[in-house]
Amino acid sequence: MATHSFSVSVGDQVFIGKGEEEVGAVRHVARDHLVVYIEGAGDFQIDGPAVLSAHDGKVILDPTKLDPKLKKAIESAHSRETE
């Protein structure tokens, strides 16, 4: 199994897929997971395998590896922005 090493810091912006809108910010960095704040929904734990890449203050997540509750929170946050 391949593992990736990324440089992630508290405050980095979080995105779902490349070229998408920001969905949150990193609140905590651990060895095998991140805690990400999603506006209006709170903190969510993201396991390491769900991180596609991290660079220049941006963390890109793999939408196929996210918990359904997190996906719903992201969709809700974006729907509030368009109202």
PDB file of N, CA and C in Angstrom:
ATOM      1  N   MET A   1       0.841  -1.179   0.000  1.00  0.00           N
ATOM      2  CA  MET A   1       0.000   0.000   0.000  1.00  0.00           C
ATOM      3  C   MET A   1       0.886   1.242   0.000  1.00  0.00           C
ATOM      4  N   ALA A   2       0.637   2.150  -0.917  1.00  0.00           N
ATOM      5  CA  ALA A   2       1.424   3.377  -1.008  1.00  0.00           C
ATOM      6  C   ALA A   2       0.933   4.393   0.020  1.00  0.00           C
ATOM      7  N   THR A   3       1.880   5.104   0.620  1.00  0.00           N
ATOM      8  CA  THR A   3       1.519   6.179   1.537  1.00  0.00           C
ATOM      9  C   THR A   3       2.118   7.464   1.013  1.00  0.00           C
ATOM     10  N   HIS A   4       1.437   8.563   1.300  1.00  0.00           N
ATOM     11  CA  HIS A   4       1.903   9.862   0.855  1.00  0.00           C
ATOM     12  C   HIS A   4       2.213  10.709   2.062  1.00  0.00           C
ATOM     13  N   SER A   5       3.186  11.579   1.938  1.00  0.00           N
ATOM     14  CA  SER A   5       3.523  12.501   3.012  1.00  0.00           C
ATOM     15  C   SER A   5       3.241  13.913   2.515  1.00  0.00           C
ATOM     16  N   PHE A   6       2.350  14.606   3.209  1.00  0.00           N
ATOM     17  CA  PHE A   6       1.985  15.962   2.829  1.00  0.00           C
ATOM     18  C   PHE A   6       2.294  16.901   3.981  1.00  0.00           C
ATOM     19  N   SER A   7       2.547  18.134   3.645  1.00  0.00           N
ATOM     20  CA  SER A   7       2.758  19.159   4.655  1.00  0.00           C
ATOM     21  C   SER A   7       1.459  19.934   4.829  1.00  0.00           C
ATOM     22  N   VAL A   8       0.814  19.745   5.983  1.00  0.00           N
ATOM     23  CA  VAL A   8      -0.460  20.392   6.279  1.00  0.00           C
ATOM     24  C   VAL A   8      -0.302  21.168   7.572  1.00  0.00           C
ATOM     25  N   SER A   9      -0.883  22.367   7.614  1.00  0.00           N
ATOM     26  CA  SER A   9      -0.807  23.211   8.806  1.00  0.00           C
ATOM     27  C   SER A   9      -2.203  23.657   9.225  1.00  0.00           C
ATOM     28  N   VAL A  10      -2.351  23.959  10.512  1.00  0.00           N
ATOM     29  CA  VAL A  10      -3.598  24.530  11.005  1.00  0.00           C
ATOM     30  C   VAL A  10      -3.863  25.826  10.237  1.00  0.00           C
ATOM     31  N   GLY A  11      -5.095  25.994   9.789  1.00  0.00           N
ATOM     32  CA  GLY A  11      -5.472  27.181   9.025  1.00  0.00           C
ATOM     33  C   GLY A  11      -5.475  26.981   7.522  1.00  0.00           C
ATOM     34  N   ASP A  12      -4.883  25.882   7.042  1.00  0.00           N
ATOM     35  CA  ASP A  12      -4.902  25.616   5.596  1.00  0.00           C
ATOM     36  C   ASP A  12      -6.351  25.496   5.119  1.00  0.00           C
ATOM     37  N   GLN A  13      -6.605  25.957   3.904  1.00  0.00           N
ATOM     38  CA  GLN A  13      -7.930  25.852   3.303  1.00  0.00           C
ATOM     39  C   GLN A  13      -8.144  24.440   2.786  1.00  0.00           C
ATOM     40  N   VAL A  14      -9.393  23.969   2.871  1.00  0.00           N
ATOM     41  CA  VAL A  14      -9.733  22.609   2.455  1.00  0.00           C
ATOM     42  C   VAL A  14     -10.689  22.665   1.266  1.00  0.00           C
ATOM     43  N   PHE A  15     -10.398  21.847   0.259  1.00  0.00           N
ATOM     44  CA  PHE A  15     -11.177  21.783  -0.972  1.00  0.00           C
ATOM     45  C   PHE A  15     -11.550  20.337  -1.252  1.00  0.00           C
ATOM     46  N   ILE A  16     -12.687  20.135  -1.932  1.00  0.00           N
ATOM     47  CA  ILE A  16     -13.090  18.803  -2.381  1.00  0.00           C
ATOM     48  C   ILE A  16     -12.806  18.751  -3.870  1.00  0.00           C
ATOM     49  N   GLY A  17     -11.810  17.985  -4.259  1.00  0.00           N
ATOM     50  CA  GLY A  17     -11.446  17.892  -5.665  1.00  0.00           C
ATOM     51  C   GLY A  17     -10.734  19.153  -6.147  1.00  0.00           C
ATOM     52  N   LYS A  18     -10.078  19.040  -7.249  1.00  0.00           N
ATOM     53  CA  LYS A  18      -9.321  20.163  -7.809  1.00  0.00           C
ATOM     54  C   LYS A  18     -10.255  21.140  -8.502  1.00  0.00           C
ATOM     55  N   GLY A  19     -10.001  22.426  -8.319  1.00  0.00           N
ATOM     56  CA  GLY A  19     -10.781  23.447  -8.981  1.00  0.00           C
ATOM     57  C   GLY A  19     -12.119  23.735  -8.332  1.00  0.00           C
ATOM     58  N   GLU A  20     -12.385  23.141  -7.196  1.00  0.00           N
ATOM     59  CA  GLU A  20     -13.661  23.353  -6.512  1.00  0.00           C
ATOM     60  C   GLU A  20     -13.539  24.490  -5.505  1.00  0.00           C
ATOM     61  N   GLU A  21     -14.675  24.895  -4.926  1.00  0.00           N
ATOM     62  CA  GLU A  21     -14.695  25.945  -3.925  1.00  0.00           C
ATOM     63  C   GLU A  21     -14.133  25.441  -2.600  1.00  0.00           C
ATOM     64  N   GLU A  22     -13.656  26.384  -1.787  1.00  0.00           N
ATOM     65  CA  GLU A  22     -13.199  26.053  -0.446  1.00  0.00           C
ATOM     66  C   GLU A  22     -14.386  25.550   0.361  1.00  0.00           C
ATOM     67  N   VAL A  23     -14.168  24.497   1.174  1.00  0.00           N
ATOM     68  CA  VAL A  23     -15.251  23.950   1.994  1.00  0.00           C
ATOM     69  C   VAL A  23     -14.984  24.077   3.487  1.00  0.00           C
ATOM     70  N   GLY A  24     -13.758  24.408   3.862  1.00  0.00           N
ATOM     71  CA  GLY A  24     -13.450  24.499   5.276  1.00  0.00           C
ATOM     72  C   GLY A  24     -12.000  24.837   5.518  1.00  0.00           C
ATOM     73  N   ALA A  25     -11.603  24.658   6.784  1.00  0.00           N
ATOM     74  CA  ALA A  25     -10.233  24.957   7.182  1.00  0.00           C
ATOM     75  C   ALA A  25      -9.740  23.903   8.159  1.00  0.00           C
ATOM     76  N   VAL A  26      -8.451  23.645   8.117  1.00  0.00           N
ATOM     77  CA  VAL A  26      -7.827  22.669   9.010  1.00  0.00           C
ATOM     78  C   VAL A  26      -7.765  23.261  10.420  1.00  0.00           C
ATOM     79  N   ARG A  27      -8.256  22.495  11.407  1.00  0.00           N
ATOM     80  CA  ARG A  27      -8.229  22.933  12.801  1.00  0.00           C
ATOM     81  C   ARG A  27      -7.174  22.194  13.613  1.00  0.00           C
ATOM     82  N   HIS A  28      -6.862  20.952  13.194  1.00  0.00           N
ATOM     83  CA  HIS A  28      -5.898  20.132  13.937  1.00  0.00           C
ATOM     84  C   HIS A  28      -5.242  19.164  12.964  1.00  0.00           C
ATOM     85  N   VAL A  29      -3.943  18.945  13.164  1.00  0.00           N
ATOM     86  CA  VAL A  29      -3.196  18.005  12.332  1.00  0.00           C
ATOM     87  C   VAL A  29      -2.630  16.918  13.235  1.00  0.00           C
ATOM     88  N   ALA A  30      -2.952  15.660  12.929  1.00  0.00           N
ATOM     89  CA  ALA A  30      -2.398  14.509  13.635  1.00  0.00           C
ATOM     90  C   ALA A  30      -1.629  13.655  12.631  1.00  0.00           C
ATOM     91  N   ARG A  31      -0.974  12.639  13.127  1.00  0.00           N
ATOM     92  CA  ARG A  31      -0.149  11.799  12.257  1.00  0.00           C
ATOM     93  C   ARG A  31      -0.965  11.100  11.173  1.00  0.00           C
ATOM     94  N   ASP A  32      -2.190  10.658  11.524  1.00  0.00           N
ATOM     95  CA  ASP A  32      -2.977   9.872  10.566  1.00  0.00           C
ATOM     96  C   ASP A  32      -4.316  10.489  10.187  1.00  0.00           C
ATOM     97  N   HIS A  33      -4.587  11.715  10.653  1.00  0.00           N
ATOM     98  CA  HIS A  33      -5.846  12.361  10.304  1.00  0.00           C
ATOM     99  C   HIS A  33      -5.771  13.874  10.496  1.00  0.00           C
ATOM    100  N   LEU A  34      -6.778  14.553   9.966  1.00  0.00           N
ATOM    101  CA  LEU A  34      -6.946  15.988  10.148  1.00  0.00           C
ATOM    102  C   LEU A  34      -8.294  16.222  10.802  1.00  0.00           C
ATOM    103  N   VAL A  35      -8.421  17.333  11.496  1.00  0.00           N
ATOM    104  CA  VAL A  35      -9.726  17.798  11.931  1.00  0.00           C
ATOM    105  C   VAL A  35      -9.992  19.062  11.132  1.00  0.00           C
ATOM    106  N   VAL A  36     -11.125  19.066  10.432  1.00  0.00           N
ATOM    107  CA  VAL A  36     -11.472  20.156   9.531  1.00  0.00           C
ATOM    108  C   VAL A  36     -12.772  20.794  10.005  1.00  0.00           C
ATOM    109  N   TYR A  37     -12.810  22.128  10.028  1.00  0.00           N
ATOM    110  CA  TYR A  37     -14.027  22.853  10.375  1.00  0.00           C
ATOM    111  C   TYR A  37     -14.808  23.145   9.101  1.00  0.00           C
ATOM    112  N   ILE A  38     -16.088  22.757   9.078  1.00  0.00           N
ATOM    113  CA  ILE A  38     -16.991  23.054   7.971  1.00  0.00           C
ATOM    114  C   ILE A  38     -17.983  24.093   8.479  1.00  0.00           C
ATOM    115  N   GLU A  39     -18.082  25.224   7.797  1.00  0.00           N
ATOM    116  CA  GLU A  39     -18.945  26.310   8.249  1.00  0.00           C
ATOM    117  C   GLU A  39     -20.376  25.843   8.463  1.00  0.00           C
ATOM    118  N   GLY A  40     -20.923  26.159   9.635  1.00  0.00           N
ATOM    119  CA  GLY A  40     -22.290  25.812   9.966  1.00  0.00           C
ATOM    120  C   GLY A  40     -22.492  24.376  10.413  1.00  0.00           C
ATOM    121  N   ALA A  41     -21.441  23.556  10.365  1.00  0.00           N
ATOM    122  CA  ALA A  41     -21.594  22.143  10.712  1.00  0.00           C
ATOM    123  C   ALA A  41     -20.611  21.679  11.785  1.00  0.00           C
ATOM    124  N   GLY A  42     -19.526  22.411  11.985  1.00  0.00           N
ATOM    125  CA  GLY A  42     -18.568  22.039  13.022  1.00  0.00           C
ATOM    126  C   GLY A  42     -17.361  21.287  12.494  1.00  0.00           C
ATOM    127  N   ASP A  43     -16.733  20.556  13.422  1.00  0.00           N
ATOM    128  CA  ASP A  43     -15.488  19.851  13.128  1.00  0.00           C
ATOM    129  C   ASP A  43     -15.744  18.413  12.675  1.00  0.00           C
ATOM    130  N   PHE A  44     -14.938  17.973  11.711  1.00  0.00           N
ATOM    131  CA  PHE A  44     -15.004  16.611  11.198  1.00  0.00           C
ATOM    132  C   PHE A  44     -13.603  16.041  11.111  1.00  0.00           C
ATOM    133  N   GLN A  45     -13.465  14.760  11.434  1.00  0.00           N
ATOM    134  CA  GLN A  45     -12.182  14.076  11.288  1.00  0.00           C
ATOM    135  C   GLN A  45     -12.067  13.534   9.870  1.00  0.00           C
ATOM    136  N   ILE A  46     -10.934  13.807   9.236  1.00  0.00           N
ATOM    137  CA  ILE A  46     -10.645  13.315   7.884  1.00  0.00           C
ATOM    138  C   ILE A  46      -9.444  12.375   7.988  1.00  0.00           C
ATOM    139  N   ASP A  47      -9.640  11.123   7.649  1.00  0.00           N
ATOM    140  CA  ASP A  47      -8.533  10.167   7.700  1.00  0.00           C
ATOM    141  C   ASP A  47      -7.544  10.423   6.573  1.00  0.00           C
ATOM    142  N   GLY A  48      -6.292  10.117   6.823  1.00  0.00           N
ATOM    143  CA  GLY A  48      -5.206  10.371   5.880  1.00  0.00           C
ATOM    144  C   GLY A  48      -5.459   9.926   4.450  1.00  0.00           C
ATOM    145  N   PRO A  49      -6.015   8.734   4.213  1.00  0.00           N
ATOM    146  CA  PRO A  49      -6.222   8.284   2.836  1.00  0.00           C
ATOM    147  C   PRO A  49      -7.165   9.174   2.017  1.00  0.00           C
ATOM    148  N   ALA A  50      -7.964  10.006   2.673  1.00  0.00           N
ATOM    149  CA  ALA A  50      -8.898  10.879   1.955  1.00  0.00           C
ATOM    150  C   ALA A  50      -8.221  12.136   1.415  1.00  0.00           C
ATOM    151  N   VAL A  51      -6.955  12.360   1.785  1.00  0.00           N
ATOM    152  CA  VAL A  51      -6.227  13.537   1.311  1.00  0.00           C
ATOM    153  C   VAL A  51      -5.539  13.201  -0.012  1.00  0.00           C
ATOM    154  N   LEU A  52      -5.942  13.911  -1.072  1.00  0.00           N
ATOM    155  CA  LEU A  52      -5.318  13.700  -2.386  1.00  0.00           C
ATOM    156  C   LEU A  52      -3.978  14.420  -2.467  1.00  0.00           C
ATOM    157  N   SER A  53      -3.968  15.683  -2.012  1.00  0.00           N
ATOM    158  CA  SER A  53      -2.732  16.468  -2.050  1.00  0.00           C
ATOM    159  C   SER A  53      -2.839  17.623  -1.062  1.00  0.00           C
ATOM    160  N   ALA A  54      -1.692  18.183  -0.762  1.00  0.00           N
ATOM    161  CA  ALA A  54      -1.625  19.349   0.118  1.00  0.00           C
ATOM    162  C   ALA A  54      -0.412  20.168  -0.290  1.00  0.00           C
ATOM    163  N   HIS A  55      -0.661  21.441  -0.629  1.00  0.00           N
ATOM    164  CA  HIS A  55       0.425  22.325  -1.038  1.00  0.00           C
ATOM    165  C   HIS A  55      -0.048  23.761  -0.997  1.00  0.00           C
ATOM    166  N   ASP A  56       0.854  24.683  -0.777  1.00  0.00           N
ATOM    167  CA  ASP A  56       0.556  26.118  -0.829  1.00  0.00           C
ATOM    168  C   ASP A  56      -0.637  26.521   0.034  1.00  0.00           C
ATOM    169  N   GLY A  57      -0.777  25.904   1.216  1.00  0.00           N
ATOM    170  CA  GLY A  57      -1.869  26.252   2.112  1.00  0.00           C
ATOM    171  C   GLY A  57      -3.223  25.698   1.707  1.00  0.00           C
ATOM    172  N   LYS A  58      -3.216  24.714   0.801  1.00  0.00           N
ATOM    173  CA  LYS A  58      -4.460  24.103   0.323  1.00  0.00           C
ATOM    174  C   LYS A  58      -4.403  22.592   0.517  1.00  0.00           C
ATOM    175  N   VAL A  59      -5.499  22.055   1.028  1.00  0.00           N
ATOM    176  CA  VAL A  59      -5.631  20.605   1.192  1.00  0.00           C
ATOM    177  C   VAL A  59      -6.755  20.157   0.264  1.00  0.00           C
ATOM    178  N   ILE A  60      -6.461  19.211  -0.625  1.00  0.00           N
ATOM    179  CA  ILE A  60      -7.437  18.690  -1.584  1.00  0.00           C
ATOM    180  C   ILE A  60      -7.865  17.305  -1.120  1.00  0.00           C
ATOM    181  N   LEU A  61      -9.180  17.132  -0.922  1.00  0.00           N
ATOM    182  CA  LEU A  61      -9.710  15.854  -0.463  1.00  0.00           C
ATOM    183  C   LEU A  61     -10.309  15.060  -1.619  1.00  0.00           C
ATOM    184  N   ASP A  62     -10.285  13.735  -1.482  1.00  0.00           N
ATOM    185  CA  ASP A  62     -10.889  12.825  -2.453  1.00  0.00           C
ATOM    186  C   ASP A  62     -12.353  12.627  -2.066  1.00  0.00           C
ATOM    187  N   PRO A  63     -13.294  13.141  -2.856  1.00  0.00           N
ATOM    188  CA  PRO A  63     -14.701  13.042  -2.482  1.00  0.00           C
ATOM    189  C   PRO A  63     -15.213  11.602  -2.369  1.00  0.00           C
ATOM    190  N   THR A  64     -14.549  10.659  -3.030  1.00  0.00           N
ATOM    191  CA  THR A  64     -15.009   9.269  -2.971  1.00  0.00           C
ATOM    192  C   THR A  64     -14.636   8.598  -1.651  1.00  0.00           C
ATOM    193  N   LYS A  65     -13.784   9.237  -0.856  1.00  0.00           N
ATOM    194  CA  LYS A  65     -13.334   8.631   0.399  1.00  0.00           C
ATOM    195  C   LYS A  65     -13.847   9.375   1.634  1.00  0.00           C
ATOM    196  N   LEU A  66     -14.855  10.234   1.442  1.00  0.00           N
ATOM    197  CA  LEU A  66     -15.374  11.017   2.563  1.00  0.00           C
ATOM    198  C   LEU A  66     -16.609  10.378   3.173  1.00  0.00           C
ATOM    199  N   ASP A  67     -16.747  10.550   4.460  1.00  0.00           N
ATOM    200  CA  ASP A  67     -17.907  10.073   5.203  1.00  0.00           C
ATOM    201  C   ASP A  67     -19.169  10.762   4.677  1.00  0.00           C
ATOM    202  N   PRO A  68     -20.276  10.039   4.549  1.00  0.00           N
ATOM    203  CA  PRO A  68     -21.519  10.647   4.056  1.00  0.00           C
ATOM    204  C   PRO A  68     -21.979  11.856   4.882  1.00  0.00           C
ATOM    205  N   LYS A  69     -21.765  11.829   6.209  1.00  0.00           N
ATOM    206  CA  LYS A  69     -22.149  12.973   7.048  1.00  0.00           C
ATOM    207  C   LYS A  69     -21.352  14.212   6.672  1.00  0.00           C
ATOM    208  N   LEU A  70     -20.071  14.030   6.357  1.00  0.00           N
ATOM    209  CA  LEU A  70     -19.229  15.154   5.947  1.00  0.00           C
ATOM    210  C   LEU A  70     -19.693  15.692   4.601  1.00  0.00           C
ATOM    211  N   LYS A  71     -19.999  14.816   3.661  1.00  0.00           N
ATOM    212  CA  LYS A  71     -20.489  15.254   2.350  1.00  0.00           C
ATOM    213  C   LYS A  71     -21.766  16.079   2.497  1.00  0.00           C
ATOM    214  N   LYS A  72     -22.671  15.623   3.359  1.00  0.00           N
ATOM    215  CA  LYS A  72     -23.924  16.343   3.574  1.00  0.00           C
ATOM    216  C   LYS A  72     -23.658  17.718   4.192  1.00  0.00           C
ATOM    217  N   ALA A  73     -22.735  17.793   5.141  1.00  0.00           N
ATOM    218  CA  ALA A  73     -22.397  19.074   5.774  1.00  0.00           C
ATOM    219  C   ALA A  73     -21.831  20.051   4.749  1.00  0.00           C
ATOM    220  N   ILE A  74     -21.004  19.551   3.844  1.00  0.00           N
ATOM    221  CA  ILE A  74     -20.415  20.398   2.798  1.00  0.00           C
ATOM    222  C   ILE A  74     -21.508  20.896   1.860  1.00  0.00           C
ATOM    223  N   GLU A  75     -22.407  20.007   1.446  1.00  0.00           N
ATOM    224  CA  GLU A  75     -23.503  20.415   0.566  1.00  0.00           C
ATOM    225  C   GLU A  75     -24.383  21.470   1.241  1.00  0.00           C
ATOM    226  N   SER A  76     -24.661  21.293   2.522  1.00  0.00           N
ATOM    227  CA  SER A  76     -25.475  22.255   3.269  1.00  0.00           C
ATOM    228  C   SER A  76     -24.791  23.606   3.368  1.00  0.00           C
ATOM    229  N   ALA A  77     -23.478  23.603   3.609  1.00  0.00           N
ATOM    230  CA  ALA A  77     -22.732  24.861   3.710  1.00  0.00           C
ATOM    231  C   ALA A  77     -22.799  25.626   2.392  1.00  0.00           C
ATOM    232  N   HIS A  78     -22.684  24.918   1.275  1.00  0.00           N
ATOM    233  CA  HIS A  78     -22.727  25.576  -0.034  1.00  0.00           C
ATOM    234  C   HIS A  78     -24.139  26.040  -0.388  1.00  0.00           C
ATOM    235  N   SER A  79     -25.146  25.299   0.013  1.00  0.00           N
ATOM    236  CA  SER A  79     -26.513  25.727  -0.300  1.00  0.00           C
ATOM    237  C   SER A  79     -26.869  26.998   0.472  1.00  0.00           C
ATOM    238  N   ARG A  80     -26.351  27.169   1.686  1.00  0.00           N
ATOM    239  CA  ARG A  80     -26.582  28.390   2.456  1.00  0.00           C
ATOM    240  C   ARG A  80     -25.923  29.584   1.784  1.00  0.00           C
ATOM    241  N   GLU A  81     -24.787  29.386   1.128  1.00  0.00           N
ATOM    242  CA  GLU A  81     -24.072  30.485   0.469  1.00  0.00           C
ATOM    243  C   GLU A  81     -24.859  31.016  -0.720  1.00  0.00           C
ATOM    244  N   THR A  82     -25.644  30.171  -1.373  1.00  0.00           N
ATOM    245  CA  THR A  82     -26.349  30.600  -2.577  1.00  0.00           C
ATOM    246  C   THR A  82     -27.730  31.194  -2.275  1.00  0.00           C
ATOM    247  N   GLU A  83     -28.166  31.112  -1.022  1.00  0.00           N
ATOM    248  CA  GLU A  83     -29.488  31.654  -0.664  1.00  0.00           C
ATOM    249  C   GLU A  83     -29.437  33.153  -0.496  1.00  0.00           C
TER     250      GLU A  83
END
